[in-house]
Amino acid sequence: MRPELKAVASEIRSAELLKKSAQSVRLPRLSLSGGWSYQGLTPASSIPTYQYGAFLDVPLVYLSVRLMPDIHPVSVQLAPEMKLTLVIWFVPVLMLAGGLIVARFRKDRPIPVIGVPDNATAGPFTWAGGVS
């Protein structure tokens, strides 16, 4: 098979999988989980503990649009002015978020002391009155 046909077939398969994935998001999902372990201070005093959970994920927005189409728009298009405003505000907000993250990491980093070697140790401390 020619390489360009392989590429087209791959793109078609990718589009089909993407469509299938998007359709599955519209459906409710049920997830079940569970587990057990021993809890206690010593093995002799430990007891078995059990955990169970069930989660139901219901896409309310999609469902409400389908149930009440007269009050929900199918899609919303942004006016050019709104797109420009979004772009103009997106950049500084992204820069602010990045700056705050960098500042947080710099705050946690130890500050090197200039002029003191790494292997320096503290000697005996002398108070002003001469008492050690």
C-alpha atoms as a PDB file:
ATOM      1  CA  MET A   1       0.000   0.000   0.000  1.00  0.00           C
ATOM      2  CA  ARG A   2       1.237   3.471  -0.850  1.00  0.00           C
ATOM      3  CA  PRO A   3       2.392   5.677   2.058  1.00  0.00           C
ATOM      4  CA  GLU A   4      -0.145   8.413   1.362  1.00  0.00           C
ATOM      5  CA  LEU A   5      -2.990   5.874   1.442  1.00  0.00           C
ATOM      6  CA  LYS A   6      -1.685   4.544   4.749  1.00  0.00           C
ATOM      7  CA  ALA A   7      -1.648   8.098   6.129  1.00  0.00           C
ATOM      8  CA  VAL A   8      -5.219   8.723   4.968  1.00  0.00           C
ATOM      9  CA  ALA A   9      -6.390   5.412   6.447  1.00  0.00           C
ATOM     10  CA  SER A  10      -4.704   6.315   9.720  1.00  0.00           C
ATOM     11  CA  GLU A  11      -6.403   9.722   9.761  1.00  0.00           C
ATOM     12  CA  ILE A  12      -9.792   8.132   9.093  1.00  0.00           C
ATOM     13  CA  ARG A  13      -9.282   5.633  11.914  1.00  0.00           C
ATOM     14  CA  SER A  14      -8.210   8.447  14.241  1.00  0.00           C
ATOM     15  CA  ALA A  15     -11.303  10.494  13.350  1.00  0.00           C
ATOM     16  CA  GLU A  16     -13.554   7.481  13.973  1.00  0.00           C
ATOM     17  CA  LEU A  17     -12.004   6.905  17.398  1.00  0.00           C
ATOM     18  CA  LEU A  18     -12.326  10.603  18.253  1.00  0.00           C
ATOM     19  CA  LYS A  19     -16.011  10.548  17.258  1.00  0.00           C
ATOM     20  CA  LYS A  20     -16.610   7.425  19.336  1.00  0.00           C
ATOM     21  CA  SER A  21     -14.868   9.032  22.301  1.00  0.00           C
ATOM     22  CA  ALA A  22     -16.970  12.202  21.995  1.00  0.00           C
ATOM     23  CA  GLN A  23     -20.174  10.173  21.818  1.00  0.00           C
ATOM     24  CA  SER A  24     -19.273   8.157  24.909  1.00  0.00           C
ATOM     25  CA  VAL A  25     -18.911  11.360  26.953  1.00  0.00           C
ATOM     26  CA  ARG A  26     -22.614  12.047  26.423  1.00  0.00           C
ATOM     27  CA  LEU A  27     -23.688   8.872  28.194  1.00  0.00           C
ATOM     28  CA  PRO A  28     -23.898   8.412  31.972  1.00  0.00           C
ATOM     29  CA  ARG A  29     -21.052   6.370  33.472  1.00  0.00           C
ATOM     30  CA  LEU A  30     -21.039   4.166  36.554  1.00  0.00           C
ATOM     31  CA  SER A  31     -17.732   3.427  38.279  1.00  0.00           C
ATOM     32  CA  LEU A  32     -17.327   0.927  41.084  1.00  0.00           C
ATOM     33  CA  SER A  33     -14.278   0.552  43.261  1.00  0.00           C
ATOM     34  CA  GLY A  34     -13.300  -1.304  46.368  1.00  0.00           C
ATOM     35  CA  GLY A  35     -10.418  -2.530  48.423  1.00  0.00           C
ATOM     36  CA  TRP A  36      -9.301  -3.848  51.753  1.00  0.00           C
ATOM     37  CA  SER A  37      -6.294  -3.503  54.022  1.00  0.00           C
ATOM     38  CA  TYR A  38      -5.160  -4.068  57.601  1.00  0.00           C
ATOM     39  CA  GLN A  39      -5.001  -1.134  60.012  1.00  0.00           C
ATOM     40  CA  GLY A  40      -3.443  -1.055  63.444  1.00  0.00           C
ATOM     41  CA  LEU A  41      -0.316  -0.147  65.376  1.00  0.00           C
ATOM     42  CA  THR A  42       1.092  -3.683  65.453  1.00  0.00           C
ATOM     43  CA  PRO A  43       0.357  -6.772  63.372  1.00  0.00           C
ATOM     44  CA  ALA A  44      -1.238  -8.435  66.401  1.00  0.00           C
ATOM     45  CA  SER A  45      -3.660  -5.546  66.987  1.00  0.00           C
ATOM     46  CA  SER A  46      -4.500  -4.835  63.343  1.00  0.00           C
ATOM     47  CA  ILE A  47      -7.965  -5.385  61.947  1.00  0.00           C
ATOM     48  CA  PRO A  48      -9.130  -5.705  58.344  1.00  0.00           C
ATOM     49  CA  THR A  49     -10.809  -2.652  56.862  1.00  0.00           C
ATOM     50  CA  TYR A  50     -12.912  -2.573  53.723  1.00  0.00           C
ATOM     51  CA  GLN A  51     -13.691   0.323  51.407  1.00  0.00           C
ATOM     52  CA  TYR A  52     -16.358   0.390  48.722  1.00  0.00           C
ATOM     53  CA  GLY A  53     -17.407   3.206  46.433  1.00  0.00           C
ATOM     54  CA  ALA A  54     -19.769   3.834  43.567  1.00  0.00           C
ATOM     55  CA  PHE A  55     -19.708   6.920  41.355  1.00  0.00           C
ATOM     56  CA  LEU A  56     -22.327   7.968  38.841  1.00  0.00           C
ATOM     57  CA  ASP A  57     -21.251  10.571  36.272  1.00  0.00           C
ATOM     58  CA  VAL A  58     -24.257  12.108  34.521  1.00  0.00           C
ATOM     59  CA  PRO A  59     -23.599  14.784  31.856  1.00  0.00           C
ATOM     60  CA  LEU A  60     -26.310  17.237  32.911  1.00  0.00           C
ATOM     61  CA  VAL A  61     -25.518  19.961  30.387  1.00  0.00           C
ATOM     62  CA  TYR A  62     -25.767  17.687  27.367  1.00  0.00           C
ATOM     63  CA  LEU A  63     -28.882  16.017  28.734  1.00  0.00           C
ATOM     64  CA  SER A  64     -30.602  19.334  29.488  1.00  0.00           C
ATOM     65  CA  VAL A  65     -29.938  20.626  25.962  1.00  0.00           C
ATOM     66  CA  ARG A  66     -31.476  17.469  24.510  1.00  0.00           C
ATOM     67  CA  LEU A  67     -34.499  17.509  26.841  1.00  0.00           C
ATOM     68  CA  MET A  68     -35.244  21.245  26.469  1.00  0.00           C
ATOM     69  CA  PRO A  69     -33.961  22.368  23.051  1.00  0.00           C
ATOM     70  CA  ASP A  70     -36.240  25.396  22.921  1.00  0.00           C
ATOM     71  CA  ILE A  71     -34.399  27.242  25.711  1.00  0.00           C
ATOM     72  CA  HIS A  72     -30.822  26.114  24.938  1.00  0.00           C
ATOM     73  CA  PRO A  73     -28.842  27.212  21.898  1.00  0.00           C
ATOM     74  CA  VAL A  74     -27.166  24.425  19.958  1.00  0.00           C
ATOM     75  CA  SER A  75     -23.886  26.317  19.569  1.00  0.00           C
ATOM     76  CA  VAL A  76     -22.618  29.794  20.325  1.00  0.00           C
ATOM     77  CA  GLN A  77     -20.343  31.771  18.005  1.00  0.00           C
ATOM     78  CA  LEU A  78     -18.208  34.530  19.460  1.00  0.00           C
ATOM     79  CA  ALA A  79     -18.311  37.927  17.826  1.00  0.00           C
ATOM     80  CA  PRO A  80     -14.932  39.166  16.534  1.00  0.00           C
ATOM     81  CA  GLU A  81     -14.796  41.809  19.284  1.00  0.00           C
ATOM     82  CA  MET A  82     -15.330  39.135  21.929  1.00  0.00           C
ATOM     83  CA  LYS A  83     -12.585  36.949  20.426  1.00  0.00           C
ATOM     84  CA  LEU A  84     -10.175  39.873  20.496  1.00  0.00           C
ATOM     85  CA  THR A  85     -11.053  40.642  24.125  1.00  0.00           C
ATOM     86  CA  LEU A  86     -10.561  36.989  25.042  1.00  0.00           C
ATOM     87  CA  VAL A  87      -7.104  36.901  23.462  1.00  0.00           C
ATOM     88  CA  ILE A  88      -6.076  40.243  24.970  1.00  0.00           C
ATOM     89  CA  TRP A  89      -7.018  39.111  28.493  1.00  0.00           C
ATOM     90  CA  PHE A  90      -5.844  35.528  28.124  1.00  0.00           C
ATOM     91  CA  VAL A  91      -2.184  36.470  27.652  1.00  0.00           C
ATOM     92  CA  PRO A  92      -1.712  38.601  30.825  1.00  0.00           C
ATOM     93  CA  VAL A  93      -3.706  36.174  32.973  1.00  0.00           C
ATOM     94  CA  LEU A  94      -1.533  33.308  31.721  1.00  0.00           C
ATOM     95  CA  MET A  95       1.604  35.358  32.418  1.00  0.00           C
ATOM     96  CA  LEU A  96       0.362  36.188  35.926  1.00  0.00           C
ATOM     97  CA  ALA A  97      -0.354  32.524  36.659  1.00  0.00           C
ATOM     98  CA  GLY A  98       3.088  31.527  35.396  1.00  0.00           C
ATOM     99  CA  GLY A  99       4.739  34.254  37.468  1.00  0.00           C
ATOM    100  CA  LEU A 100       2.932  33.137  40.613  1.00  0.00           C
ATOM    101  CA  ILE A 101       4.015  29.545  40.043  1.00  0.00           C
ATOM    102  CA  VAL A 102       7.641  30.587  39.500  1.00  0.00           C
ATOM    103  CA  ALA A 103       7.530  32.824  42.599  1.00  0.00           C
ATOM    104  CA  ARG A 104       6.185  29.933  44.667  1.00  0.00           C
ATOM    105  CA  PHE A 105       9.018  27.626  43.582  1.00  0.00           C
ATOM    106  CA  ARG A 106      11.640  30.318  44.168  1.00  0.00           C
ATOM    107  CA  LYS A 107      10.259  30.902  47.669  1.00  0.00           C
ATOM    108  CA  ASP A 108      10.837  27.258  48.620  1.00  0.00           C
ATOM    109  CA  ARG A 109      14.390  27.144  47.218  1.00  0.00           C
ATOM    110  CA  PRO A 110      17.156  27.678  49.793  1.00  0.00           C
ATOM    111  CA  ILE A 111      18.988  30.984  49.427  1.00  0.00           C
ATOM    112  CA  PRO A 112      22.784  30.612  49.134  1.00  0.00           C
ATOM    113  CA  VAL A 113      24.823  32.707  51.561  1.00  0.00           C
ATOM    114  CA  ILE A 114      27.560  34.670  49.783  1.00  0.00           C
ATOM    115  CA  GLY A 115      31.061  34.489  51.272  1.00  0.00           C
ATOM    116  CA  VAL A 116      30.461  31.466  53.543  1.00  0.00           C
ATOM    117  CA  PRO A 117      31.985  28.184  52.355  1.00  0.00           C
ATOM    118  CA  ASP A 118      29.753  25.112  52.213  1.00  0.00           C
ATOM    119  CA  ASN A 119      31.862  23.238  54.799  1.00  0.00           C
ATOM    120  CA  ALA A 120      31.841  26.051  57.381  1.00  0.00           C
ATOM    121  CA  THR A 121      30.777  25.063  60.901  1.00  0.00           C
ATOM    122  CA  ALA A 122      29.600  27.271  63.705  1.00  0.00           C
ATOM    123  CA  GLY A 123      32.078  27.740  66.559  1.00  0.00           C
ATOM    124  CA  PRO A 124      31.321  28.462  70.211  1.00  0.00           C
ATOM    125  CA  PHE A 125      28.907  31.343  70.686  1.00  0.00           C
ATOM    126  CA  THR A 126      29.991  34.145  73.032  1.00  0.00           C
ATOM    127  CA  TRP A 127      27.456  36.414  74.660  1.00  0.00           C
ATOM    128  CA  ALA A 128      28.165  40.099  75.062  1.00  0.00           C
ATOM    129  CA  GLY A 129      29.145  39.542  78.687  1.00  0.00           C
ATOM    130  CA  GLY A 130      31.859  37.046  77.745  1.00  0.00           C
ATOM    131  CA  VAL A 131      29.992  33.925  78.916  1.00  0.00           C
ATOM    132  CA  SER A 132      30.111  30.982  76.512  1.00  0.00           C
END
